[in-house]
Amino acid sequence: MGIPGLMIRTLVHDNQQRKDRMGLFWDLIKQSQISDQRKIAGNLSTRVRRLEGELRRTQRTFHDLVVLLEKRFGEDIDADGKIG
């Protein structure tokens, strides 16, 4: 193989090494993005559970308030057919 053939092989080999390094670099970036998305998803599910708990407590408080108001004023405020 002459010098031109050797130069082409060297250029092809160098180009492949660059691609391999860039591939590794992009793999690391993608892995980091996947990890970040998992954290966001985990935080989101935790937040949803917390908000659902707050909603239940708010609904319970609202119900208790309606019962107290119905007893106080003797009216069926929530239209459930009963007072209190």
PDB file of N, CA and C in Angstrom:
ATOM      1  N   MET A   1       0.862  -1.162   0.000  1.00  0.00           N
ATOM      2  CA  MET A   1       0.000   0.000   0.000  1.00  0.00           C
ATOM      3  C   MET A   1       0.911   1.228   0.000  1.00  0.00           C
ATOM      4  N   GLY A   2       0.569   2.174  -0.857  1.00  0.00           N
ATOM      5  CA  GLY A   2       1.379   3.370  -0.962  1.00  0.00           C
ATOM      6  C   GLY A   2       0.975   4.404   0.077  1.00  0.00           C
ATOM      7  N   ILE A   3       1.638   5.522   0.042  1.00  0.00           N
ATOM      8  CA  ILE A   3       1.386   6.605   0.998  1.00  0.00           C
ATOM      9  C   ILE A   3      -0.049   7.129   0.880  1.00  0.00           C
ATOM     10  N   PRO A   4      -0.594   7.335  -0.316  1.00  0.00           N
ATOM     11  CA  PRO A   4      -1.983   7.802  -0.382  1.00  0.00           C
ATOM     12  C   PRO A   4      -2.961   6.828   0.276  1.00  0.00           C
ATOM     13  N   GLY A   5      -2.756   5.525   0.047  1.00  0.00           N
ATOM     14  CA  GLY A   5      -3.629   4.523   0.678  1.00  0.00           C
ATOM     15  C   GLY A   5      -3.515   4.553   2.196  1.00  0.00           C
ATOM     16  N   LEU A   6      -2.303   4.705   2.691  1.00  0.00           N
ATOM     17  CA  LEU A   6      -2.056   4.774   4.135  1.00  0.00           C
ATOM     18  C   LEU A   6      -2.705   6.033   4.723  1.00  0.00           C
ATOM     19  N   MET A   7      -2.600   7.141   3.996  1.00  0.00           N
ATOM     20  CA  MET A   7      -3.211   8.393   4.475  1.00  0.00           C
ATOM     21  C   MET A   7      -4.733   8.257   4.544  1.00  0.00           C
ATOM     22  N   ILE A   8      -5.312   7.617   3.540  1.00  0.00           N
ATOM     23  CA  ILE A   8      -6.773   7.434   3.536  1.00  0.00           C
ATOM     24  C   ILE A   8      -7.179   6.549   4.708  1.00  0.00           C
ATOM     25  N   ARG A   9      -6.438   5.441   4.917  1.00  0.00           N
ATOM     26  CA  ARG A   9      -6.750   4.563   6.057  1.00  0.00           C
ATOM     27  C   ARG A   9      -6.636   5.317   7.370  1.00  0.00           C
ATOM     28  N   THR A  10      -5.612   6.143   7.511  1.00  0.00           N
ATOM     29  CA  THR A  10      -5.405   6.919   8.732  1.00  0.00           C
ATOM     30  C   THR A  10      -6.535   7.922   8.924  1.00  0.00           C
ATOM     31  N   LEU A  11      -6.930   8.604   7.841  1.00  0.00           N
ATOM     32  CA  LEU A  11      -8.028   9.571   7.930  1.00  0.00           C
ATOM     33  C   LEU A  11      -9.344   8.880   8.300  1.00  0.00           C
ATOM     34  N   VAL A  12      -9.603   7.738   7.680  1.00  0.00           N
ATOM     35  CA  VAL A  12     -10.823   6.982   7.994  1.00  0.00           C
ATOM     36  C   VAL A  12     -10.791   6.540   9.449  1.00  0.00           C
ATOM     37  N   HIS A  13      -9.644   6.020   9.898  1.00  0.00           N
ATOM     38  CA  HIS A  13      -9.512   5.571  11.287  1.00  0.00           C
ATOM     39  C   HIS A  13      -9.703   6.742  12.266  1.00  0.00           C
ATOM     40  N   ASP A  14      -9.075   7.889  11.972  1.00  0.00           N
ATOM     41  CA  ASP A  14      -9.227   9.079  12.829  1.00  0.00           C
ATOM     42  C   ASP A  14     -10.668   9.555  12.859  1.00  0.00           C
ATOM     43  N   ASN A  15     -11.324   9.529  11.707  1.00  0.00           N
ATOM     44  CA  ASN A  15     -12.717   9.958  11.630  1.00  0.00           C
ATOM     45  C   ASN A  15     -13.601   9.026  12.470  1.00  0.00           C
ATOM     46  N   GLN A  16     -13.338   7.726  12.408  1.00  0.00           N
ATOM     47  CA  GLN A  16     -14.112   6.765  13.197  1.00  0.00           C
ATOM     48  C   GLN A  16     -13.888   6.994  14.694  1.00  0.00           C
ATOM     49  N   GLN A  17     -12.646   7.286  15.084  1.00  0.00           N
ATOM     50  CA  GLN A  17     -12.370   7.559  16.500  1.00  0.00           C
ATOM     51  C   GLN A  17     -13.124   8.800  16.962  1.00  0.00           C
ATOM     52  N   ARG A  18     -13.181   9.835  16.113  1.00  0.00           N
ATOM     53  CA  ARG A  18     -13.933  11.051  16.466  1.00  0.00           C
ATOM     54  C   ARG A  18     -15.413  10.722  16.637  1.00  0.00           C
ATOM     55  N   LYS A  19     -15.933   9.929  15.724  1.00  0.00           N
ATOM     56  CA  LYS A  19     -17.350   9.536  15.811  1.00  0.00           C
ATOM     57  C   LYS A  19     -17.605   8.759  17.101  1.00  0.00           C
ATOM     58  N   ASP A  20     -16.688   7.858  17.438  1.00  0.00           N
ATOM     59  CA  ASP A  20     -16.840   7.076  18.672  1.00  0.00           C
ATOM     60  C   ASP A  20     -16.845   7.991  19.894  1.00  0.00           C
ATOM     61  N   ARG A  21     -15.935   8.983  19.918  1.00  0.00           N
ATOM     62  CA  ARG A  21     -15.894   9.911  21.047  1.00  0.00           C
ATOM     63  C   ARG A  21     -17.168  10.740  21.112  1.00  0.00           C
ATOM     64  N   MET A  22     -17.629  11.222  19.957  1.00  0.00           N
ATOM     65  CA  MET A  22     -18.862  12.015  19.930  1.00  0.00           C
ATOM     66  C   MET A  22     -20.058  11.146  20.330  1.00  0.00           C
ATOM     67  N   GLY A  23     -20.038   9.893  19.887  1.00  0.00           N
ATOM     68  CA  GLY A  23     -21.121   8.976  20.265  1.00  0.00           C
ATOM     69  C   GLY A  23     -21.164   8.794  21.773  1.00  0.00           C
ATOM     70  N   LEU A  24     -20.009   8.639  22.370  1.00  0.00           N
ATOM     71  CA  LEU A  24     -19.923   8.493  23.816  1.00  0.00           C
ATOM     72  C   LEU A  24     -20.410   9.769  24.504  1.00  0.00           C
ATOM     73  N   PHE A  25     -19.984  10.905  23.961  1.00  0.00           N
ATOM     74  CA  PHE A  25     -20.404  12.200  24.511  1.00  0.00           C
ATOM     75  C   PHE A  25     -21.929  12.334  24.460  1.00  0.00           C
ATOM     76  N   TRP A  26     -22.522  12.025  23.300  1.00  0.00           N
ATOM     77  CA  TRP A  26     -23.975  12.147  23.167  1.00  0.00           C
ATOM     78  C   TRP A  26     -24.697  11.123  24.047  1.00  0.00           C
ATOM     79  N   ASP A  27     -24.130   9.932  24.181  1.00  0.00           N
ATOM     80  CA  ASP A  27     -24.724   8.930  25.079  1.00  0.00           C
ATOM     81  C   ASP A  27     -24.768   9.449  26.513  1.00  0.00           C
ATOM     82  N   LEU A  28     -23.692  10.110  26.939  1.00  0.00           N
ATOM     83  CA  LEU A  28     -23.652  10.674  28.292  1.00  0.00           C
ATOM     84  C   LEU A  28     -24.712  11.773  28.456  1.00  0.00           C
ATOM     85  N   ILE A  29     -24.838  12.622  27.445  1.00  0.00           N
ATOM     86  CA  ILE A  29     -25.855  13.687  27.510  1.00  0.00           C
ATOM     87  C   ILE A  29     -27.248  13.080  27.596  1.00  0.00           C
ATOM     88  N   LYS A  30     -27.535  12.106  26.752  1.00  0.00           N
ATOM     89  CA  LYS A  30     -28.859  11.463  26.755  1.00  0.00           C
ATOM     90  C   LYS A  30     -29.127  10.775  28.098  1.00  0.00           C
ATOM     91  N   GLN A  31     -28.123  10.110  28.636  1.00  0.00           N
ATOM     92  CA  GLN A  31     -28.289   9.440  29.927  1.00  0.00           C
ATOM     93  C   GLN A  31     -28.588  10.457  31.015  1.00  0.00           C
ATOM     94  N   SER A  32     -27.931  11.591  30.973  1.00  0.00           N
ATOM     95  CA  SER A  32     -28.187  12.659  31.941  1.00  0.00           C
ATOM     96  C   SER A  32     -29.611  13.178  31.800  1.00  0.00           C
ATOM     97  N   GLN A  33     -30.067  13.354  30.565  1.00  0.00           N
ATOM     98  CA  GLN A  33     -31.432  13.827  30.332  1.00  0.00           C
ATOM     99  C   GLN A  33     -32.460  12.814  30.834  1.00  0.00           C
ATOM    100  N   ILE A  34     -32.199  11.543  30.598  1.00  0.00           N
ATOM    101  CA  ILE A  34     -33.101  10.492  31.092  1.00  0.00           C
ATOM    102  C   ILE A  34     -33.154  10.518  32.613  1.00  0.00           C
ATOM    103  N   SER A  35     -32.002  10.666  33.238  1.00  0.00           N
ATOM    104  CA  SER A  35     -31.941  10.728  34.696  1.00  0.00           C
ATOM    105  C   SER A  35     -32.729  11.932  35.224  1.00  0.00           C
ATOM    106  N   ASP A  36     -32.556  13.087  34.559  1.00  0.00           N
ATOM    107  CA  ASP A  36     -33.291  14.283  34.971  1.00  0.00           C
ATOM    108  C   ASP A  36     -34.792  14.071  34.844  1.00  0.00           C
ATOM    109  N   GLN A  37     -35.233  13.425  33.767  1.00  0.00           N
ATOM    110  CA  GLN A  37     -36.662  13.179  33.562  1.00  0.00           C
ATOM    111  C   GLN A  37     -37.208  12.234  34.628  1.00  0.00           C
ATOM    112  N   ARG A  38     -36.409  11.251  35.024  1.00  0.00           N
ATOM    113  CA  ARG A  38     -36.849  10.332  36.087  1.00  0.00           C
ATOM    114  C   ARG A  38     -37.046  11.079  37.402  1.00  0.00           C
ATOM    115  N   LYS A  39     -36.119  12.013  37.689  1.00  0.00           N
ATOM    116  CA  LYS A  39     -36.258  12.813  38.912  1.00  0.00           C
ATOM    117  C   LYS A  39     -37.521  13.659  38.863  1.00  0.00           C
ATOM    118  N   ILE A  40     -37.764  14.278  37.715  1.00  0.00           N
ATOM    119  CA  ILE A  40     -38.961  15.113  37.560  1.00  0.00           C
ATOM    120  C   ILE A  40     -40.212  14.272  37.734  1.00  0.00           C
ATOM    121  N   ALA A  41     -40.230  13.097  37.112  1.00  0.00           N
ATOM    122  CA  ALA A  41     -41.388  12.210  37.223  1.00  0.00           C
ATOM    123  C   ALA A  41     -41.594  11.780  38.674  1.00  0.00           C
ATOM    124  N   GLY A  42     -40.503  11.442  39.358  1.00  0.00           N
ATOM    125  CA  GLY A  42     -40.605  11.057  40.769  1.00  0.00           C
ATOM    126  C   GLY A  42     -41.116  12.204  41.611  1.00  0.00           C
ATOM    127  N   ASN A  43     -40.593  13.392  41.377  1.00  0.00           N
ATOM    128  CA  ASN A  43     -41.049  14.565  42.118  1.00  0.00           C
ATOM    129  C   ASN A  43     -42.504  14.868  41.804  1.00  0.00           C
ATOM    130  N   LEU A  44     -42.907  14.658  40.555  1.00  0.00           N
ATOM    131  CA  LEU A  44     -44.281  14.925  40.157  1.00  0.00           C
ATOM    132  C   LEU A  44     -45.243  13.976  40.850  1.00  0.00           C
ATOM    133  N   SER A  45     -44.894  12.690  40.908  1.00  0.00           N
ATOM    134  CA  SER A  45     -45.794  11.740  41.561  1.00  0.00           C
ATOM    135  C   SER A  45     -45.888  12.033  43.060  1.00  0.00           C
ATOM    136  N   THR A  46     -44.793  12.440  43.668  1.00  0.00           N
ATOM    137  CA  THR A  46     -44.823  12.827  45.082  1.00  0.00           C
ATOM    138  C   THR A  46     -45.713  14.043  45.273  1.00  0.00           C
ATOM    139  N   ARG A  47     -45.584  15.000  44.384  1.00  0.00           N
ATOM    140  CA  ARG A  47     -46.399  16.221  44.471  1.00  0.00           C
ATOM    141  C   ARG A  47     -47.883  15.903  44.281  1.00  0.00           C
ATOM    142  N   VAL A  48     -48.204  15.025  43.343  1.00  0.00           N
ATOM    143  CA  VAL A  48     -49.605  14.640  43.114  1.00  0.00           C
ATOM    144  C   VAL A  48     -50.177  13.986  44.362  1.00  0.00           C
ATOM    145  N   ARG A  49     -49.410  13.089  44.995  1.00  0.00           N
ATOM    146  CA  ARG A  49     -49.896  12.436  46.227  1.00  0.00           C
ATOM    147  C   ARG A  49     -50.144  13.465  47.321  1.00  0.00           C
ATOM    148  N   ARG A  50     -49.230  14.436  47.450  1.00  0.00           N
ATOM    149  CA  ARG A  50     -49.394  15.480  48.465  1.00  0.00           C
ATOM    150  C   ARG A  50     -50.631  16.330  48.170  1.00  0.00           C
ATOM    151  N   LEU A  51     -50.818  16.700  46.913  1.00  0.00           N
ATOM    152  CA  LEU A  51     -51.977  17.514  46.539  1.00  0.00           C
ATOM    153  C   LEU A  51     -53.288  16.749  46.719  1.00  0.00           C
ATOM    154  N   GLU A  52     -53.270  15.455  46.433  1.00  0.00           N
ATOM    155  CA  GLU A  52     -54.475  14.646  46.653  1.00  0.00           C
ATOM    156  C   GLU A  52     -54.828  14.600  48.139  1.00  0.00           C
ATOM    157  N   GLY A  53     -53.815  14.487  48.999  1.00  0.00           N
ATOM    158  CA  GLY A  53     -54.056  14.508  50.445  1.00  0.00           C
ATOM    159  C   GLY A  53     -54.620  15.841  50.890  1.00  0.00           C
ATOM    160  N   GLU A  54     -54.062  16.930  50.359  1.00  0.00           N
ATOM    161  CA  GLU A  54     -54.581  18.260  50.692  1.00  0.00           C
ATOM    162  C   GLU A  54     -56.020  18.410  50.230  1.00  0.00           C
ATOM    163  N   LEU A  55     -56.333  17.885  49.065  1.00  0.00           N
ATOM    164  CA  LEU A  55     -57.702  17.953  48.547  1.00  0.00           C
ATOM    165  C   LEU A  55     -58.667  17.204  49.461  1.00  0.00           C
ATOM    166  N   ARG A  56     -58.289  16.010  49.902  1.00  0.00           N
ATOM    167  CA  ARG A  56     -59.157  15.249  50.818  1.00  0.00           C
ATOM    168  C   ARG A  56     -59.396  16.017  52.116  1.00  0.00           C
ATOM    169  N   ARG A  57     -58.338  16.610  52.667  1.00  0.00           N
ATOM    170  CA  ARG A  57     -58.494  17.388  53.903  1.00  0.00           C
ATOM    171  C   ARG A  57     -59.378  18.613  53.681  1.00  0.00           C
ATOM    172  N   THR A  58     -59.222  19.266  52.556  1.00  0.00           N
ATOM    173  CA  THR A  58     -60.041  20.439  52.241  1.00  0.00           C
ATOM    174  C   THR A  58     -61.506  20.037  52.081  1.00  0.00           C
ATOM    175  N   GLN A  59     -61.738  18.930  51.381  1.00  0.00           N
ATOM    176  CA  GLN A  59     -63.114  18.461  51.208  1.00  0.00           C
ATOM    177  C   GLN A  59     -63.742  18.089  52.550  1.00  0.00           C
ATOM    178  N   ARG A  60     -62.972  17.449  53.411  1.00  0.00           N
ATOM    179  CA  ARG A  60     -63.474  17.073  54.739  1.00  0.00           C
ATOM    180  C   ARG A  60     -63.801  18.330  55.554  1.00  0.00           C
ATOM    181  N   THR A  61     -62.915  19.323  55.489  1.00  0.00           N
ATOM    182  CA  THR A  61     -63.146  20.578  56.208  1.00  0.00           C
ATOM    183  C   THR A  61     -64.390  21.279  55.678  1.00  0.00           C
ATOM    184  N   PHE A  62     -64.531  21.308  54.353  1.00  0.00           N
ATOM    185  CA  PHE A  62     -65.699  21.931  53.746  1.00  0.00           C
ATOM    186  C   PHE A  62     -66.983  21.220  54.189  1.00  0.00           C
ATOM    187  N   HIS A  63     -66.972  19.901  54.181  1.00  0.00           N
ATOM    188  CA  HIS A  63     -68.143  19.130  54.608  1.00  0.00           C
ATOM    189  C   HIS A  63     -68.497  19.437  56.067  1.00  0.00           C
ATOM    190  N   ASP A  64     -67.471  19.432  56.918  1.00  0.00           N
ATOM    191  CA  ASP A  64     -67.702  19.736  58.340  1.00  0.00           C
ATOM    192  C   ASP A  64     -68.273  21.137  58.521  1.00  0.00           C
ATOM    193  N   LEU A  65     -67.788  22.087  57.727  1.00  0.00           N
ATOM    194  CA  LEU A  65     -68.296  23.459  57.796  1.00  0.00           C
ATOM    195  C   LEU A  65     -69.761  23.527  57.377  1.00  0.00           C
ATOM    196  N   VAL A  66     -70.117  22.815  56.317  1.00  0.00           N
ATOM    197  CA  VAL A  66     -71.511  22.801  55.859  1.00  0.00           C
ATOM    198  C   VAL A  66     -72.413  22.208  56.933  1.00  0.00           C
ATOM    199  N   VAL A  67     -71.974  21.137  57.549  1.00  0.00           N
ATOM    200  CA  VAL A  67     -72.772  20.509  58.621  1.00  0.00           C
ATOM    201  C   VAL A  67     -72.985  21.498  59.765  1.00  0.00           C
ATOM    202  N   LEU A  68     -71.918  22.177  60.177  1.00  0.00           N
ATOM    203  CA  LEU A  68     -72.044  23.164  61.253  1.00  0.00           C
ATOM    204  C   LEU A  68     -72.976  24.313  60.880  1.00  0.00           C
ATOM    205  N   LEU A  69     -72.855  24.801  59.654  1.00  0.00           N
ATOM    206  CA  LEU A  69     -73.731  25.893  59.213  1.00  0.00           C
ATOM    207  C   LEU A  69     -75.182  25.454  59.151  1.00  0.00           C
ATOM    208  N   GLU A  70     -75.418  24.237  58.669  1.00  0.00           N
ATOM    209  CA  GLU A  70     -76.787  23.721  58.621  1.00  0.00           C
ATOM    210  C   GLU A  70     -77.374  23.624  60.026  1.00  0.00           C
ATOM    211  N   LYS A  71     -76.586  23.139  60.965  1.00  0.00           N
ATOM    212  CA  LYS A  71     -77.073  23.045  62.349  1.00  0.00           C
ATOM    213  C   LYS A  71     -77.323  24.431  62.923  1.00  0.00           C
ATOM    214  N   ARG A  72     -76.444  25.345  62.633  1.00  0.00           N
ATOM    215  CA  ARG A  72     -76.548  26.699  63.189  1.00  0.00           C
ATOM    216  C   ARG A  72     -77.772  27.443  62.660  1.00  0.00           C
ATOM    217  N   PHE A  73     -77.999  27.327  61.325  1.00  0.00           N
ATOM    218  CA  PHE A  73     -79.079  28.092  60.717  1.00  0.00           C
ATOM    219  C   PHE A  73     -80.332  27.270  60.435  1.00  0.00           C
ATOM    220  N   GLY A  74     -80.255  25.951  60.651  1.00  0.00           N
ATOM    221  CA  GLY A  74     -81.422  25.102  60.467  1.00  0.00           C
ATOM    222  C   GLY A  74     -81.864  24.997  59.018  1.00  0.00           C
ATOM    223  N   GLU A  75     -80.952  25.097  58.097  1.00  0.00           N
ATOM    224  CA  GLU A  75     -81.285  25.005  56.674  1.00  0.00           C
ATOM    225  C   GLU A  75     -80.450  23.931  56.006  1.00  0.00           C
ATOM    226  N   ASP A  76     -81.020  23.361  54.924  1.00  0.00           N
ATOM    227  CA  ASP A  76     -80.312  22.344  54.140  1.00  0.00           C
ATOM    228  C   ASP A  76     -79.485  23.047  53.077  1.00  0.00           C
ATOM    229  N   ILE A  77     -78.244  23.362  53.402  1.00  0.00           N
ATOM    230  CA  ILE A  77     -77.389  24.153  52.516  1.00  0.00           C
ATOM    231  C   ILE A  77     -76.893  23.337  51.324  1.00  0.00           C
ATOM    232  N   ASP A  78     -76.545  22.075  51.541  1.00  0.00           N
ATOM    233  CA  ASP A  78     -75.966  21.277  50.467  1.00  0.00           C
ATOM    234  C   ASP A  78     -76.983  20.445  49.689  1.00  0.00           C
ATOM    235  N   ALA A  79     -78.259  20.662  49.937  1.00  0.00           N
ATOM    236  CA  ALA A  79     -79.356  20.001  49.218  1.00  0.00           C
ATOM    237  C   ALA A  79     -79.267  18.481  49.259  1.00  0.00           C
ATOM    238  N   ASP A  80     -78.873  17.934  50.433  1.00  0.00           N
ATOM    239  CA  ASP A  80     -78.820  16.480  50.557  1.00  0.00           C
ATOM    240  C   ASP A  80     -80.079  15.927  51.223  1.00  0.00           C
ATOM    241  N   GLY A  81     -81.034  16.814  51.497  1.00  0.00           N
ATOM    242  CA  GLY A  81     -82.302  16.380  52.074  1.00  0.00           C
ATOM    243  C   GLY A  81     -82.297  16.298  53.582  1.00  0.00           C
ATOM    244  N   LYS A  82     -81.233  16.726  54.217  1.00  0.00           N
ATOM    245  CA  LYS A  82     -81.213  16.704  55.681  1.00  0.00           C
ATOM    246  C   LYS A  82     -80.438  17.914  56.207  1.00  0.00           C
ATOM    247  N   ILE A  83     -80.706  18.250  57.434  1.00  0.00           N
ATOM    248  CA  ILE A  83     -80.025  19.366  58.076  1.00  0.00           C
ATOM    249  C   ILE A  83     -79.025  18.807  59.065  1.00  0.00           C
ATOM    250  N   GLY A  84     -77.781  19.188  58.902  1.00  0.00           N
ATOM    251  CA  GLY A  84     -76.731  18.723  59.811  1.00  0.00           C
ATOM    252  C   GLY A  84     -76.020  17.500  59.370  1.00  0.00           C
TER     253      GLY A  84
END
